Amino acid sequence: MNPYVILAGAILSELFGTTALKLSEGFSRPLPSLGVLVGYGAAFYLLSLTLEELPVGVVYATWAALGIVGVASIGVLAFDEHLDGAAVAGLGLILAGVYCLNVLSDVSAH
């Protein structure tokens, strides 16, 4: 399977786990707390599969960066959190960095 598809699954799993973490209210709610364990467990398992084919720097940078952008977006859409102009610019720079690393650089496996 394409390692980038597996990496996308790891990122989605992390987003699920982090959203559940917010909903768990300090692990005081059982169902969201279980979601944290499932989400992060799946994320790290899928991440380990991705690392079999792609360099660790590319994998971790992409996973972390897209997780940051994704969680910030979920915060805005689901939890009525707000981002100012500087935050939006910073998230744009993160996305630009992921693009450079995965598309323009010779580091990743194309």
C-alpha atoms as a PDB file:
ATOM      1  CA  MET A   1       0.000   0.000   0.000  1.00  0.00           C
ATOM      2  CA  ASN A   2       1.134   3.559  -0.669  1.00  0.00           C
ATOM      3  CA  PRO A   3       2.928   4.845   2.450  1.00  0.00           C
ATOM      4  CA  TYR A   4       1.311   8.260   2.038  1.00  0.00           C
ATOM      5  CA  VAL A   5      -2.144   6.645   2.275  1.00  0.00           C
ATOM      6  CA  ILE A   6      -1.061   4.960   5.504  1.00  0.00           C
ATOM      7  CA  LEU A   7       0.356   8.271   6.743  1.00  0.00           C
ATOM      8  CA  ALA A   8      -2.988   9.941   5.984  1.00  0.00           C
ATOM      9  CA  GLY A   9      -4.656   7.278   8.120  1.00  0.00           C
ATOM     10  CA  ALA A  10      -2.205   7.999  10.935  1.00  0.00           C
ATOM     11  CA  ILE A  11      -2.972  11.713  10.721  1.00  0.00           C
ATOM     12  CA  LEU A  12      -6.741  11.119  10.733  1.00  0.00           C
ATOM     13  CA  SER A  13      -6.359   8.779  13.713  1.00  0.00           C
ATOM     14  CA  GLU A  14      -4.378  11.421  15.579  1.00  0.00           C
ATOM     15  CA  LEU A  15      -7.053  14.021  14.819  1.00  0.00           C
ATOM     16  CA  PHE A  16      -9.694  11.640  16.163  1.00  0.00           C
ATOM     17  CA  GLY A  17      -7.648  10.961  19.299  1.00  0.00           C
ATOM     18  CA  THR A  18      -6.949  14.639  19.939  1.00  0.00           C
ATOM     19  CA  THR A  19     -10.593  15.577  19.458  1.00  0.00           C
ATOM     20  CA  ALA A  20     -11.556  12.817  21.876  1.00  0.00           C
ATOM     21  CA  LEU A  21      -8.961  14.180  24.310  1.00  0.00           C
ATOM     22  CA  LYS A  22     -10.707  17.555  24.267  1.00  0.00           C
ATOM     23  CA  LEU A  23     -14.074  15.852  24.800  1.00  0.00           C
ATOM     24  CA  SER A  24     -12.780  13.589  27.586  1.00  0.00           C
ATOM     25  CA  GLU A  25     -12.642  16.508  30.045  1.00  0.00           C
ATOM     26  CA  GLY A  26      -9.447  15.352  31.717  1.00  0.00           C
ATOM     27  CA  PHE A  27     -10.286  11.656  31.217  1.00  0.00           C
ATOM     28  CA  SER A  28     -13.408  12.045  33.345  1.00  0.00           C
ATOM     29  CA  ARG A  29     -15.727  10.886  30.546  1.00  0.00           C
ATOM     30  CA  PRO A  30     -15.301   7.173  29.677  1.00  0.00           C
ATOM     31  CA  LEU A  31     -16.323   7.069  26.003  1.00  0.00           C
ATOM     32  CA  PRO A  32     -14.152   9.973  24.816  1.00  0.00           C
ATOM     33  CA  SER A  33     -11.329   8.630  27.009  1.00  0.00           C
ATOM     34  CA  LEU A  34     -11.561   5.326  25.144  1.00  0.00           C
ATOM     35  CA  GLY A  35     -11.506   7.318  21.894  1.00  0.00           C
ATOM     36  CA  VAL A  36      -8.184   8.845  22.955  1.00  0.00           C
ATOM     37  CA  LEU A  37      -6.637   5.402  23.408  1.00  0.00           C
ATOM     38  CA  VAL A  38      -8.061   4.044  20.151  1.00  0.00           C
ATOM     39  CA  GLY A  39      -7.146   7.142  18.143  1.00  0.00           C
ATOM     40  CA  TYR A  40      -3.589   7.450  19.381  1.00  0.00           C
ATOM     41  CA  GLY A  41      -3.054   3.681  19.312  1.00  0.00           C
ATOM     42  CA  ALA A  42      -4.104   3.534  15.666  1.00  0.00           C
ATOM     43  CA  ALA A  43      -2.071   6.646  14.856  1.00  0.00           C
ATOM     44  CA  PHE A  44       1.157   5.217  16.241  1.00  0.00           C
ATOM     45  CA  TYR A  45       0.573   1.808  14.673  1.00  0.00           C
ATOM     46  CA  LEU A  46      -0.018   3.361  11.239  1.00  0.00           C
ATOM     47  CA  LEU A  47       2.924   5.687  11.759  1.00  0.00           C
ATOM     48  CA  SER A  48       5.151   2.668  12.418  1.00  0.00           C
ATOM     49  CA  LEU A  49       4.048   1.106   9.127  1.00  0.00           C
ATOM     50  CA  THR A  50       4.824   4.311   7.267  1.00  0.00           C
ATOM     51  CA  LEU A  51       8.311   4.398   8.758  1.00  0.00           C
ATOM     52  CA  GLU A  52       9.091   1.096   7.027  1.00  0.00           C
ATOM     53  CA  GLU A  53       9.104   2.911   3.669  1.00  0.00           C
ATOM     54  CA  LEU A  54       9.706   6.624   4.226  1.00  0.00           C
ATOM     55  CA  PRO A  55      12.435   8.560   6.065  1.00  0.00           C
ATOM     56  CA  VAL A  56      11.633   9.333   9.704  1.00  0.00           C
ATOM     57  CA  GLY A  57      12.146  13.081   9.230  1.00  0.00           C
ATOM     58  CA  VAL A  58       9.638  13.268   6.386  1.00  0.00           C
ATOM     59  CA  VAL A  59       7.099  11.094   8.176  1.00  0.00           C
ATOM     60  CA  TYR A  60       7.260  12.851  11.512  1.00  0.00           C
ATOM     61  CA  ALA A  61       7.355  16.355  10.068  1.00  0.00           C
ATOM     62  CA  THR A  62       4.349  15.644   7.849  1.00  0.00           C
ATOM     63  CA  TRP A  63       2.402  13.879  10.615  1.00  0.00           C
ATOM     64  CA  ALA A  64       3.060  16.605  13.163  1.00  0.00           C
ATOM     65  CA  ALA A  65       2.477  19.520  10.783  1.00  0.00           C
ATOM     66  CA  LEU A  66      -0.769  18.247   9.313  1.00  0.00           C
ATOM     67  CA  GLY A  67      -1.891  17.281  12.804  1.00  0.00           C
ATOM     68  CA  ILE A  68      -1.319  20.858  13.963  1.00  0.00           C
ATOM     69  CA  VAL A  69      -3.241  22.330  11.042  1.00  0.00           C
ATOM     70  CA  GLY A  70      -6.002  19.737  11.375  1.00  0.00           C
ATOM     71  CA  VAL A  71      -6.454  20.186  15.114  1.00  0.00           C
ATOM     72  CA  ALA A  72      -6.502  23.965  14.764  1.00  0.00           C
ATOM     73  CA  SER A  73      -9.193  23.601  12.095  1.00  0.00           C
ATOM     74  CA  ILE A  74     -11.234  21.244  14.274  1.00  0.00           C
ATOM     75  CA  GLY A  75     -10.935  23.740  17.114  1.00  0.00           C
ATOM     76  CA  VAL A  76     -12.428  26.452  14.918  1.00  0.00           C
ATOM     77  CA  LEU A  77     -15.172  24.291  13.410  1.00  0.00           C
ATOM     78  CA  ALA A  78     -16.209  22.130  16.371  1.00  0.00           C
ATOM     79  CA  PHE A  79     -15.254  24.072  19.487  1.00  0.00           C
ATOM     80  CA  ASP A  80     -15.828  27.681  18.400  1.00  0.00           C
ATOM     81  CA  GLU A  81     -12.168  28.562  18.906  1.00  0.00           C
ATOM     82  CA  HIS A  82     -10.789  31.546  17.010  1.00  0.00           C
ATOM     83  CA  LEU A  83      -7.599  32.096  15.038  1.00  0.00           C
ATOM     84  CA  ASP A  84      -6.194  35.547  14.392  1.00  0.00           C
ATOM     85  CA  GLY A  85      -4.295  36.602  11.291  1.00  0.00           C
ATOM     86  CA  ALA A  86      -0.923  35.619  12.707  1.00  0.00           C
ATOM     87  CA  ALA A  87      -2.217  32.131  13.537  1.00  0.00           C
ATOM     88  CA  VAL A  88      -3.619  31.682  10.030  1.00  0.00           C
ATOM     89  CA  ALA A  89      -0.329  32.887   8.525  1.00  0.00           C
ATOM     90  CA  GLY A  90       1.612  30.485  10.739  1.00  0.00           C
ATOM     91  CA  LEU A  91      -0.597  27.573   9.703  1.00  0.00           C
ATOM     92  CA  GLY A  92      -0.046  28.565   6.074  1.00  0.00           C
ATOM     93  CA  LEU A  93       3.711  28.489   6.623  1.00  0.00           C
ATOM     94  CA  ILE A  94       3.401  25.018   8.158  1.00  0.00           C
ATOM     95  CA  LEU A  95       1.532  23.823   5.068  1.00  0.00           C
ATOM     96  CA  ALA A  96       4.151  25.432   2.831  1.00  0.00           C
ATOM     97  CA  GLY A  97       6.851  23.576   4.745  1.00  0.00           C
ATOM     98  CA  VAL A  98       5.076  20.242   4.278  1.00  0.00           C
ATOM     99  CA  TYR A  99       4.750  20.971   0.564  1.00  0.00           C
ATOM    100  CA  CYS A 100       8.455  21.808   0.265  1.00  0.00           C
ATOM    101  CA  LEU A 101       9.485  18.712   2.191  1.00  0.00           C
ATOM    102  CA  ASN A 102       7.266  16.266   0.312  1.00  0.00           C
ATOM    103  CA  VAL A 103       7.134  17.733  -3.202  1.00  0.00           C
ATOM    104  CA  LEU A 104      10.146  19.950  -3.818  1.00  0.00           C
ATOM    105  CA  SER A 105      12.784  18.199  -1.734  1.00  0.00           C
ATOM    106  CA  ASP A 106      14.723  15.126  -2.798  1.00  0.00           C
ATOM    107  CA  VAL A 107      14.525  13.829   0.794  1.00  0.00           C
ATOM    108  CA  SER A 108      11.147  12.142   0.404  1.00  0.00           C
ATOM    109  CA  ALA A 109      10.427   9.143  -1.786  1.00  0.00           C
ATOM    110  CA  HIS A 110       8.449  10.403  -4.786  1.00  0.00           C
END
